[in-house]
Amino acid sequence: MPTALENPTSAGPQPQNQAEPLDDWFLLERDEYRPERPDQHPLQSPHFPGLTLALNALLALYPAAMLDDLQASLQTSGHAAFVKQLQQSAQPQHEPPG
């Protein structure tokens, strides 16, 4: 995990420019762990379209960049379709009077 660099002109630690390579990251898929290289692309949830995690930004202590990536992914058509599906499934089912 990266350590923060000290900036003599600030009151506290400052983030590094780059996150260290992520060599030990695995995703569980169908009861098997497979290696993942999130330094090459953000991690994307297989269950929630539009939910991404930019680990390099997170580990480099750049939450604004991480949130920017997340906001962009929430604007995709895949996420819009997912939200629509959730809204439809949340609507009460009307039963015919009987």
N, C-alpha and C. Protein backbone atom coordinates (compact mmCIF):
# COMPACT_ATOMS: atom_id res chain seq x y z
N MET A 1 0.86 -1.17 0.00
CA MET A 1 0.00 0.00 0.00
C MET A 1 0.90 1.23 0.00
N PRO A 2 0.58 2.23 -0.80
CA PRO A 2 1.44 3.38 -0.87
C PRO A 2 1.44 4.16 0.43
N THR A 3 2.55 4.78 0.72
CA THR A 3 2.64 5.66 1.87
C THR A 3 2.61 7.09 1.40
N ALA A 4 2.11 7.96 2.23
CA ALA A 4 2.00 9.37 1.85
C ALA A 4 3.37 10.04 1.96
N LEU A 5 3.60 10.97 1.09
CA LEU A 5 4.83 11.76 1.11
C LEU A 5 4.60 13.00 1.95
N GLU A 6 5.59 13.40 2.69
CA GLU A 6 5.47 14.61 3.50
C GLU A 6 5.76 15.83 2.64
N ASN A 7 4.93 16.84 2.78
CA ASN A 7 5.13 18.11 2.10
C ASN A 7 5.46 19.14 3.16
N PRO A 8 6.66 19.72 3.14
CA PRO A 8 7.07 20.61 4.22
C PRO A 8 6.22 21.87 4.30
N THR A 9 5.49 22.22 3.24
CA THR A 9 4.69 23.44 3.27
C THR A 9 3.26 23.19 3.74
N SER A 10 2.89 21.93 3.99
CA SER A 10 1.52 21.64 4.41
C SER A 10 1.50 21.15 5.84
N ALA A 11 0.29 21.07 6.38
CA ALA A 11 0.14 20.62 7.76
C ALA A 11 0.12 19.10 7.88
N GLY A 12 0.02 18.39 6.77
CA GLY A 12 -0.09 16.94 6.86
C GLY A 12 0.47 16.24 5.65
N PRO A 13 0.33 14.91 5.60
CA PRO A 13 0.87 14.14 4.48
C PRO A 13 0.10 14.42 3.19
N GLN A 14 0.80 14.32 2.07
CA GLN A 14 0.21 14.51 0.75
C GLN A 14 0.25 13.19 0.00
N PRO A 15 -0.72 12.94 -0.89
CA PRO A 15 -0.73 11.67 -1.62
C PRO A 15 0.38 11.58 -2.64
N GLN A 16 0.76 10.33 -2.95
CA GLN A 16 1.72 10.09 -4.02
C GLN A 16 1.04 10.30 -5.36
N ASN A 17 1.84 10.46 -6.40
CA ASN A 17 1.28 10.64 -7.74
C ASN A 17 0.78 9.34 -8.33
N GLN A 18 1.39 8.22 -7.99
CA GLN A 18 1.02 6.94 -8.57
C GLN A 18 0.82 5.91 -7.46
N ALA A 19 -0.15 5.06 -7.64
CA ALA A 19 -0.31 3.94 -6.71
C ALA A 19 0.69 2.85 -7.08
N GLU A 20 1.07 2.08 -6.09
CA GLU A 20 1.97 0.96 -6.37
C GLU A 20 1.22 -0.10 -7.16
N PRO A 21 1.91 -0.91 -7.94
CA PRO A 21 1.22 -1.98 -8.68
C PRO A 21 0.47 -2.89 -7.72
N LEU A 22 -0.65 -3.37 -8.17
CA LEU A 22 -1.48 -4.26 -7.35
C LEU A 22 -1.24 -5.68 -7.81
N ASP A 23 -0.35 -6.37 -7.13
CA ASP A 23 0.04 -7.71 -7.56
C ASP A 23 -0.81 -8.80 -6.93
N ASP A 24 -1.46 -8.53 -5.82
CA ASP A 24 -2.18 -9.56 -5.09
C ASP A 24 -3.66 -9.23 -4.98
N TRP A 25 -4.32 -9.06 -6.11
CA TRP A 25 -5.75 -8.77 -6.12
C TRP A 25 -6.46 -9.90 -6.84
N PHE A 26 -7.49 -10.46 -6.20
CA PHE A 26 -8.21 -11.58 -6.77
C PHE A 26 -9.71 -11.31 -6.70
N LEU A 27 -10.43 -11.84 -7.67
CA LEU A 27 -11.88 -11.78 -7.68
C LEU A 27 -12.43 -13.19 -7.58
N LEU A 28 -13.47 -13.37 -6.79
CA LEU A 28 -14.12 -14.66 -6.65
C LEU A 28 -15.18 -14.77 -7.74
N GLU A 29 -15.04 -15.77 -8.57
CA GLU A 29 -15.97 -15.99 -9.67
C GLU A 29 -16.26 -17.48 -9.78
N ARG A 30 -17.52 -17.85 -9.61
CA ARG A 30 -17.93 -19.26 -9.69
C ARG A 30 -17.08 -20.15 -8.79
N ASP A 31 -16.96 -19.76 -7.55
CA ASP A 31 -16.23 -20.52 -6.53
C ASP A 31 -14.74 -20.66 -6.81
N GLU A 32 -14.20 -19.83 -7.67
CA GLU A 32 -12.76 -19.85 -7.95
C GLU A 32 -12.23 -18.43 -7.90
N TYR A 33 -11.04 -18.29 -7.34
CA TYR A 33 -10.39 -16.99 -7.32
C TYR A 33 -9.56 -16.84 -8.58
N ARG A 34 -9.72 -15.71 -9.26
CA ARG A 34 -8.90 -15.44 -10.44
C ARG A 34 -8.15 -14.13 -10.22
N PRO A 35 -6.92 -14.07 -10.67
CA PRO A 35 -6.15 -12.83 -10.49
C PRO A 35 -6.75 -11.70 -11.32
N GLU A 36 -6.68 -10.51 -10.79
CA GLU A 36 -7.22 -9.33 -11.46
C GLU A 36 -6.15 -8.23 -11.42
N ARG A 37 -6.07 -7.48 -12.50
CA ARG A 37 -5.10 -6.38 -12.57
C ARG A 37 -5.85 -5.04 -12.61
N PRO A 38 -6.35 -4.57 -11.46
CA PRO A 38 -7.14 -3.34 -11.45
C PRO A 38 -6.31 -2.10 -11.73
N ASP A 39 -4.99 -2.22 -11.82
CA ASP A 39 -4.18 -1.06 -12.18
C ASP A 39 -4.30 -0.77 -13.67
N GLN A 40 -4.84 -1.72 -14.44
CA GLN A 40 -5.00 -1.53 -15.87
C GLN A 40 -6.39 -1.00 -16.22
N HIS A 41 -7.36 -1.21 -15.38
CA HIS A 41 -8.72 -0.74 -15.60
C HIS A 41 -9.46 -0.78 -14.27
N PRO A 42 -10.53 -0.02 -14.13
CA PRO A 42 -11.28 -0.09 -12.87
C PRO A 42 -11.99 -1.43 -12.71
N LEU A 43 -12.20 -1.81 -11.48
CA LEU A 43 -12.99 -3.01 -11.20
C LEU A 43 -14.45 -2.67 -11.44
N GLN A 44 -15.17 -3.56 -12.10
CA GLN A 44 -16.57 -3.36 -12.39
C GLN A 44 -17.37 -4.48 -11.75
N SER A 45 -18.43 -4.10 -11.07
CA SER A 45 -19.28 -5.09 -10.42
C SER A 45 -20.01 -5.93 -11.45
N PRO A 46 -19.99 -7.26 -11.30
CA PRO A 46 -20.76 -8.10 -12.21
C PRO A 46 -22.25 -8.11 -11.86
N HIS A 47 -22.61 -7.58 -10.69
CA HIS A 47 -23.99 -7.62 -10.23
C HIS A 47 -24.71 -6.28 -10.30
N PHE A 48 -23.95 -5.17 -10.26
CA PHE A 48 -24.53 -3.84 -10.27
C PHE A 48 -23.91 -3.02 -11.40
N PRO A 49 -24.52 -3.04 -12.59
CA PRO A 49 -23.96 -2.28 -13.71
C PRO A 49 -23.78 -0.81 -13.33
N GLY A 50 -22.63 -0.28 -13.66
CA GLY A 50 -22.32 1.10 -13.35
C GLY A 50 -21.58 1.29 -12.04
N LEU A 51 -21.43 0.23 -11.27
CA LEU A 51 -20.68 0.31 -10.02
C LEU A 51 -19.23 -0.07 -10.32
N THR A 52 -18.36 0.91 -10.27
CA THR A 52 -16.94 0.67 -10.54
C THR A 52 -16.10 1.19 -9.39
N LEU A 53 -14.91 0.66 -9.28
CA LEU A 53 -13.96 1.10 -8.26
C LEU A 53 -12.61 1.24 -8.92
N ALA A 54 -12.12 2.46 -8.97
CA ALA A 54 -10.79 2.74 -9.51
C ALA A 54 -9.79 2.59 -8.36
N LEU A 55 -9.24 1.38 -8.24
CA LEU A 55 -8.37 1.10 -7.09
C LEU A 55 -7.11 1.94 -7.09
N ASN A 56 -6.54 2.23 -8.24
CA ASN A 56 -5.34 3.06 -8.25
C ASN A 56 -5.62 4.41 -7.63
N ALA A 57 -6.76 5.01 -7.97
CA ALA A 57 -7.12 6.30 -7.40
C ALA A 57 -7.35 6.17 -5.89
N LEU A 58 -8.01 5.08 -5.49
CA LEU A 58 -8.25 4.86 -4.07
C LEU A 58 -6.96 4.69 -3.30
N LEU A 59 -6.08 3.82 -3.79
CA LEU A 59 -4.82 3.55 -3.09
C LEU A 59 -3.84 4.71 -3.15
N ALA A 60 -3.97 5.55 -4.16
CA ALA A 60 -3.10 6.72 -4.27
C ALA A 60 -3.66 7.89 -3.47
N LEU A 61 -4.74 7.63 -2.76
CA LEU A 61 -5.38 8.65 -1.92
C LEU A 61 -5.92 9.81 -2.74
N TYR A 62 -6.55 9.48 -3.87
CA TYR A 62 -7.21 10.46 -4.72
C TYR A 62 -8.70 10.15 -4.78
N PRO A 63 -9.43 10.43 -3.70
CA PRO A 63 -10.85 10.08 -3.71
C PRO A 63 -11.64 10.85 -4.77
N ALA A 64 -11.22 12.06 -5.11
CA ALA A 64 -11.95 12.83 -6.13
C ALA A 64 -11.89 12.11 -7.48
N ALA A 65 -10.73 11.56 -7.83
CA ALA A 65 -10.59 10.83 -9.09
C ALA A 65 -11.42 9.55 -9.05
N MET A 66 -11.44 8.90 -7.90
CA MET A 66 -12.22 7.68 -7.76
C MET A 66 -13.71 8.00 -7.93
N LEU A 67 -14.17 9.07 -7.32
CA LEU A 67 -15.58 9.45 -7.43
C LEU A 67 -15.93 9.94 -8.83
N ASP A 68 -14.99 10.61 -9.50
CA ASP A 68 -15.22 11.02 -10.89
C ASP A 68 -15.46 9.81 -11.78
N ASP A 69 -14.63 8.77 -11.62
CA ASP A 69 -14.80 7.55 -12.40
C ASP A 69 -16.14 6.89 -12.10
N LEU A 70 -16.51 6.86 -10.82
CA LEU A 70 -17.78 6.26 -10.43
C LEU A 70 -18.95 7.05 -11.03
N GLN A 71 -18.91 8.37 -10.93
CA GLN A 71 -19.99 9.19 -11.49
C GLN A 71 -20.14 8.97 -12.99
N ALA A 72 -19.01 8.86 -13.69
CA ALA A 72 -19.06 8.62 -15.14
C ALA A 72 -19.70 7.26 -15.43
N SER A 73 -19.36 6.25 -14.63
CA SER A 73 -19.92 4.92 -14.88
C SER A 73 -21.41 4.87 -14.56
N LEU A 74 -21.88 5.74 -13.66
CA LEU A 74 -23.30 5.77 -13.33
C LEU A 74 -24.12 6.44 -14.43
N GLN A 75 -23.46 7.04 -15.41
CA GLN A 75 -24.14 7.68 -16.53
C GLN A 75 -24.26 6.77 -17.74
N THR A 76 -23.85 5.52 -17.62
CA THR A 76 -23.87 4.60 -18.76
C THR A 76 -25.27 4.06 -19.00
N SER A 77 -25.50 3.59 -20.22
CA SER A 77 -26.80 3.00 -20.55
C SER A 77 -27.04 1.71 -19.77
N GLY A 78 -25.98 0.97 -19.47
CA GLY A 78 -26.12 -0.25 -18.68
C GLY A 78 -26.65 0.04 -17.29
N HIS A 79 -26.17 1.11 -16.68
CA HIS A 79 -26.65 1.48 -15.34
C HIS A 79 -28.09 1.98 -15.42
N ALA A 80 -28.41 2.75 -16.45
CA ALA A 80 -29.78 3.25 -16.61
C ALA A 80 -30.76 2.09 -16.75
N ALA A 81 -30.39 1.07 -17.53
CA ALA A 81 -31.25 -0.11 -17.69
C ALA A 81 -31.41 -0.86 -16.36
N PHE A 82 -30.33 -0.93 -15.59
CA PHE A 82 -30.37 -1.60 -14.29
C PHE A 82 -31.31 -0.86 -13.34
N VAL A 83 -31.24 0.47 -13.31
CA VAL A 83 -32.11 1.28 -12.46
C VAL A 83 -33.56 1.09 -12.87
N LYS A 84 -33.82 1.10 -14.18
CA LYS A 84 -35.19 0.90 -14.68
C LYS A 84 -35.73 -0.46 -14.24
N GLN A 85 -34.89 -1.49 -14.34
CA GLN A 85 -35.30 -2.83 -13.92
C GLN A 85 -35.63 -2.85 -12.43
N LEU A 86 -34.81 -2.18 -11.61
CA LEU A 86 -35.08 -2.13 -10.17
C LEU A 86 -36.38 -1.39 -9.88
N GLN A 87 -36.61 -0.29 -10.59
CA GLN A 87 -37.85 0.47 -10.39
C GLN A 87 -39.07 -0.36 -10.75
N GLN A 88 -38.99 -1.11 -11.84
CA GLN A 88 -40.12 -1.93 -12.26
C GLN A 88 -40.38 -3.05 -11.26
N SER A 89 -39.33 -3.63 -10.73
CA SER A 89 -39.52 -4.73 -9.78
C SER A 89 -40.00 -4.22 -8.43
N ALA A 90 -39.80 -2.93 -8.15
CA ALA A 90 -40.23 -2.36 -6.87
C ALA A 90 -41.68 -1.90 -6.90
N GLN A 91 -42.26 -1.78 -8.08
CA GLN A 91 -43.65 -1.35 -8.18
C GLN A 91 -44.56 -2.45 -7.65
N PRO A 92 -45.58 -2.05 -6.88
CA PRO A 92 -46.49 -3.07 -6.36
C PRO A 92 -47.25 -3.76 -7.49
N GLN A 93 -47.39 -5.04 -7.35
CA GLN A 93 -48.12 -5.84 -8.33
C GLN A 93 -49.60 -5.79 -7.98
N HIS A 94 -50.41 -5.32 -8.90
CA HIS A 94 -51.85 -5.24 -8.66
C HIS A 94 -52.51 -6.57 -9.04
N GLU A 95 -53.21 -7.11 -8.09
CA GLU A 95 -53.92 -8.36 -8.35
C GLU A 95 -55.35 -8.02 -8.79
N PRO A 96 -55.86 -8.78 -9.72
CA PRO A 96 -57.25 -8.52 -10.14
C PRO A 96 -58.21 -8.80 -8.99
N PRO A 97 -59.26 -7.97 -8.89
CA PRO A 97 -60.22 -8.21 -7.79
C PRO A 97 -60.89 -9.57 -7.95
N GLY A 98 -61.09 -10.19 -6.87
CA GLY A 98 -61.70 -11.50 -7.01
C GLY A 98 -62.38 -11.94 -5.86
